[in-house]
Amino acid sequence: MGSKLDKYSDPELFELVQSRGKLADEAFSELYDRHSPRVFAYCRRFLGNKEEAQDVLQETFIRLYKSSNSDREMTNVPAFILTIARNLCVNSQKKKKPLVSYEDYMFVRDNNNDDNELLDLIKMAMETLPEDYKEVFILREYEGLSYQDIAEITETSLTNVKVRIYRAKQKIKDILEPYLVDLNKHEKDE
C-alpha cells in the first residue's frame, strides 16, 4: 500500500519538506523510501563496506533535510542526493588507507569456484582504481547515469568524465586479463 504522497514528484516532495507544514515529515519519509536503496547501493559499491555505507546513507539524508532549510529551488532531487552521497564517500575514502594491494590479493586469494573468484577480482580491481576513476565508473556502470549527469554530479567536464570512464575500464581490463587468459586455458584443458 503506497503512501498518500507517492503520486507527488520529487521536487514537490522537497517543497513540502521545505514548508515544514503538517506533511513535511511524510514527504521526507517518501523521499527516503524512494531514494535510500539506490543511495545505499552506490555507497556500498564506492566504499566496499556495509556499515560505512549505512553511516554515509544516514548522513546523506540528514544533510538533505538540513538543506531544505534554505530557499533553494530543487529540480533534480535524485542528482542532488547522489551529489551529497558522493561527497561524503569521497571524504570518507580520504580518511582511510587502502586495505589490500593487488599484489597482496594475488597471494591471498583462495581457490573458490571461478565465478566467486572473478567477482572478488572485479571488486578488488575497482578498489585499486584512483578515486576519480572509481566514482565515475560506479556512477556509469552501476547507477546507469548519463555522462552529462555524472559531469554535473562530479562538477567536471563531459570530456573529463568520458576519459576517466575509459581509463577505469582499461585499468580493470588490464587487471582481469591475466585471470581471464588463465581461466580460458583451464577450460580448454578440461
Protein backbone atom coordinates (compact mmCIF):
# COMPACT_ATOMS: atom_id res chain seq x y z
CA MET A 1 0.00 0.00 0.00
CA GLY A 2 1.54 3.29 -1.10
CA SER A 3 1.57 6.49 0.89
CA LYS A 4 -0.78 9.33 0.06
CA LEU A 5 2.27 11.21 -1.24
CA ASP A 6 3.51 8.55 -3.68
CA LYS A 7 1.96 10.44 -6.61
CA TYR A 8 3.97 13.59 -5.84
CA SER A 9 7.12 14.35 -7.83
CA ASP A 10 10.47 14.63 -6.06
CA PRO A 11 10.58 18.44 -6.38
CA GLU A 12 7.04 18.66 -4.96
CA LEU A 13 8.04 16.48 -2.02
CA PHE A 14 11.12 18.62 -1.40
CA GLU A 15 8.89 21.72 -1.36
CA LEU A 16 6.67 20.06 1.23
CA VAL A 17 9.72 19.33 3.37
CA GLN A 18 10.82 22.96 2.99
CA SER A 19 7.37 24.20 4.06
CA ARG A 20 7.73 22.49 7.45
CA GLY A 21 3.96 22.03 7.29
CA LYS A 22 2.00 19.06 8.57
CA LEU A 23 3.05 16.89 5.59
CA ALA A 24 6.78 17.70 5.85
CA ASP A 25 7.72 14.54 7.77
CA GLU A 26 5.69 12.32 5.47
CA ALA A 27 7.23 13.99 2.41
CA PHE A 28 10.73 13.42 3.78
CA SER A 29 9.89 9.78 4.51
CA GLU A 30 8.64 9.36 0.94
CA LEU A 31 11.89 10.82 -0.44
CA TYR A 32 13.87 8.49 1.81
CA ASP A 33 11.84 5.46 0.73
CA ARG A 34 12.27 6.33 -2.94
CA HIS A 35 15.98 7.06 -2.92
CA SER A 36 17.64 5.28 0.00
CA PRO A 37 18.03 1.88 -1.73
CA ARG A 38 19.86 3.44 -4.66
CA VAL A 39 22.00 5.68 -2.45
CA PHE A 40 22.90 2.75 -0.20
CA ALA A 41 23.88 0.61 -3.20
CA TYR A 42 26.03 3.44 -4.54
CA CYS A 43 27.75 3.97 -1.17
CA ARG A 44 28.27 0.24 -0.71
CA ARG A 45 29.96 -0.08 -4.09
CA PHE A 46 32.01 3.05 -3.58
CA LEU A 47 33.15 2.27 -0.04
CA GLY A 48 33.12 -1.53 -0.13
CA ASN A 49 31.86 -1.69 3.46
CA LYS A 50 28.25 -2.20 4.54
CA GLU A 51 28.50 -0.40 7.90
CA GLU A 52 30.33 2.57 6.46
CA ALA A 53 27.83 2.75 3.59
CA GLN A 54 24.96 2.73 6.11
CA ASP A 55 26.59 5.62 8.02
CA VAL A 56 27.05 7.64 4.83
CA LEU A 57 23.46 6.89 3.80
CA GLN A 58 22.14 8.30 7.06
CA GLU A 59 24.40 11.35 6.87
CA THR A 60 23.28 11.93 3.28
CA PHE A 61 19.64 12.21 4.29
CA ILE A 62 20.46 14.32 7.33
CA ARG A 63 22.19 16.76 5.01
CA LEU A 64 19.29 16.62 2.56
CA TYR A 65 16.94 17.54 5.38
CA LYS A 66 19.21 20.37 6.57
CA SER A 67 19.43 21.71 3.02
CA SER A 68 15.66 22.05 3.00
CA ASN A 69 16.07 24.98 5.43
CA SER A 70 17.21 27.13 2.52
CA ASP A 71 15.04 28.74 -0.13
CA ARG A 72 16.69 26.54 -2.75
CA GLU A 73 14.56 25.52 -5.70
CA MET A 74 15.05 21.82 -6.30
CA THR A 75 14.57 20.48 -9.82
CA ASN A 76 16.67 17.29 -9.76
CA VAL A 77 16.37 15.74 -6.31
CA PRO A 78 17.99 12.36 -7.20
CA ALA A 79 21.10 14.09 -8.59
CA PHE A 80 21.27 16.36 -5.54
CA ILE A 81 21.05 13.37 -3.18
CA LEU A 82 23.71 11.45 -5.13
CA THR A 83 25.96 14.52 -5.06
CA ILE A 84 25.70 14.65 -1.28
CA ALA A 85 26.40 10.90 -1.04
CA ARG A 86 29.32 11.15 -3.45
CA ASN A 87 30.95 13.96 -1.49
CA LEU A 88 30.55 12.05 1.76
CA CYS A 89 32.01 8.89 0.17
CA VAL A 90 34.99 10.80 -1.21
CA ASN A 91 35.63 12.38 2.19
CA SER A 92 35.35 9.01 3.88
CA GLN A 93 37.83 7.45 1.44
CA LYS A 94 40.33 10.23 2.08
CA LYS A 95 40.33 9.31 5.76
CA LYS A 96 41.25 5.67 5.28
CA LYS A 97 44.10 3.82 3.63
CA PRO A 98 43.68 1.07 1.04
CA LEU A 99 43.06 -2.26 2.73
CA VAL A 100 44.74 -4.54 0.21
CA SER A 101 47.08 -4.11 -2.72
CA TYR A 102 46.81 -6.02 -5.97
CA GLU A 103 49.95 -8.00 -5.18
CA ASP A 104 48.69 -8.95 -1.71
CA TYR A 105 45.39 -10.04 -3.17
CA MET A 106 47.05 -12.32 -5.70
CA PHE A 107 48.86 -14.18 -2.89
CA VAL A 108 45.93 -14.38 -0.51
CA ARG A 109 43.06 -15.33 -2.78
CA ASP A 110 41.78 -18.83 -2.31
CA ASN A 111 40.62 -21.23 -4.96
CA ASN A 112 36.84 -20.86 -4.65
CA ASN A 113 34.73 -21.51 -7.67
CA ASP A 114 35.61 -19.42 -10.70
CA ASP A 115 32.55 -17.16 -10.55
CA ASN A 116 33.19 -16.07 -6.96
CA GLU A 117 36.85 -15.59 -7.71
CA LEU A 118 36.06 -13.44 -10.74
CA LEU A 119 33.60 -11.33 -8.72
CA ASP A 120 36.20 -10.89 -5.98
CA LEU A 121 38.77 -9.94 -8.57
CA ILE A 122 36.45 -7.36 -10.13
CA LYS A 123 35.78 -5.85 -6.70
CA MET A 124 39.50 -5.79 -5.97
CA ALA A 125 40.21 -4.22 -9.36
CA MET A 126 37.72 -1.46 -8.57
CA GLU A 127 39.42 -0.86 -5.22
CA THR A 128 42.74 -0.27 -6.98
CA LEU A 129 41.31 2.46 -9.19
CA PRO A 130 42.14 6.05 -8.38
CA GLU A 131 39.17 7.70 -6.64
CA ASP A 132 38.28 9.96 -9.59
CA TYR A 133 38.11 6.92 -11.92
CA LYS A 134 36.26 4.76 -9.40
CA GLU A 135 33.48 7.23 -8.72
CA VAL A 136 32.64 7.88 -12.39
CA PHE A 137 32.84 4.15 -13.16
CA ILE A 138 30.35 3.35 -10.39
CA LEU A 139 28.01 6.16 -11.41
CA ARG A 140 28.03 4.95 -15.02
CA GLU A 141 28.14 1.17 -14.74
CA TYR A 142 26.20 0.57 -11.53
CA GLU A 143 23.91 3.59 -11.31
CA GLY A 144 23.34 3.88 -15.06
CA LEU A 145 23.73 7.64 -15.12
CA SER A 146 24.41 9.51 -18.33
CA TYR A 147 27.79 11.09 -18.94
CA GLN A 148 26.15 14.52 -18.59
CA ASP A 149 24.62 13.66 -15.21
CA ILE A 150 27.96 12.33 -14.00
CA ALA A 151 29.67 15.54 -15.15
CA GLU A 152 27.18 17.60 -13.14
CA ILE A 153 27.46 15.44 -10.01
CA THR A 154 31.26 15.38 -10.07
CA GLU A 155 31.49 19.01 -11.17
CA THR A 156 33.81 18.23 -14.06
CA SER A 157 33.65 18.45 -17.83
CA LEU A 158 31.88 15.93 -20.02
CA THR A 159 35.17 15.12 -21.76
CA ASN A 160 36.85 14.51 -18.42
CA VAL A 161 34.09 12.09 -17.43
CA LYS A 162 34.40 10.14 -20.68
CA VAL A 163 38.19 9.91 -20.35
CA ARG A 164 38.00 8.77 -16.72
CA ILE A 165 35.44 6.07 -17.51
CA TYR A 166 37.51 4.84 -20.43
CA ARG A 167 40.66 4.72 -18.30
CA ALA A 168 38.83 2.97 -15.45
CA LYS A 169 37.63 0.28 -17.84
CA GLN A 170 41.14 -0.10 -19.26
CA LYS A 171 42.68 -0.49 -15.80
CA ILE A 172 40.08 -3.08 -14.80
CA LYS A 173 40.61 -4.92 -18.08
CA ASP A 174 44.38 -4.92 -17.55
CA ILE A 175 43.96 -6.39 -14.07
CA LEU A 176 41.45 -9.02 -15.20
CA GLU A 177 43.21 -10.04 -18.41
CA PRO A 178 45.76 -12.47 -16.88
CA TYR A 179 43.00 -14.13 -14.90
CA LEU A 180 40.74 -14.50 -17.95
CA VAL A 181 43.59 -15.93 -20.03
CA ASP A 182 44.31 -18.43 -17.25
CA LEU A 183 40.61 -19.31 -16.95
CA ASN A 184 40.31 -19.87 -20.70
CA LYS A 185 43.42 -22.06 -20.64
CA HIS A 186 41.93 -24.26 -17.89
CA GLU A 187 38.62 -24.55 -19.71
CA LYS A 188 40.41 -25.74 -22.88
CA ASP A 189 42.38 -28.31 -20.87
CA GLU A 190 39.21 -29.82 -19.40
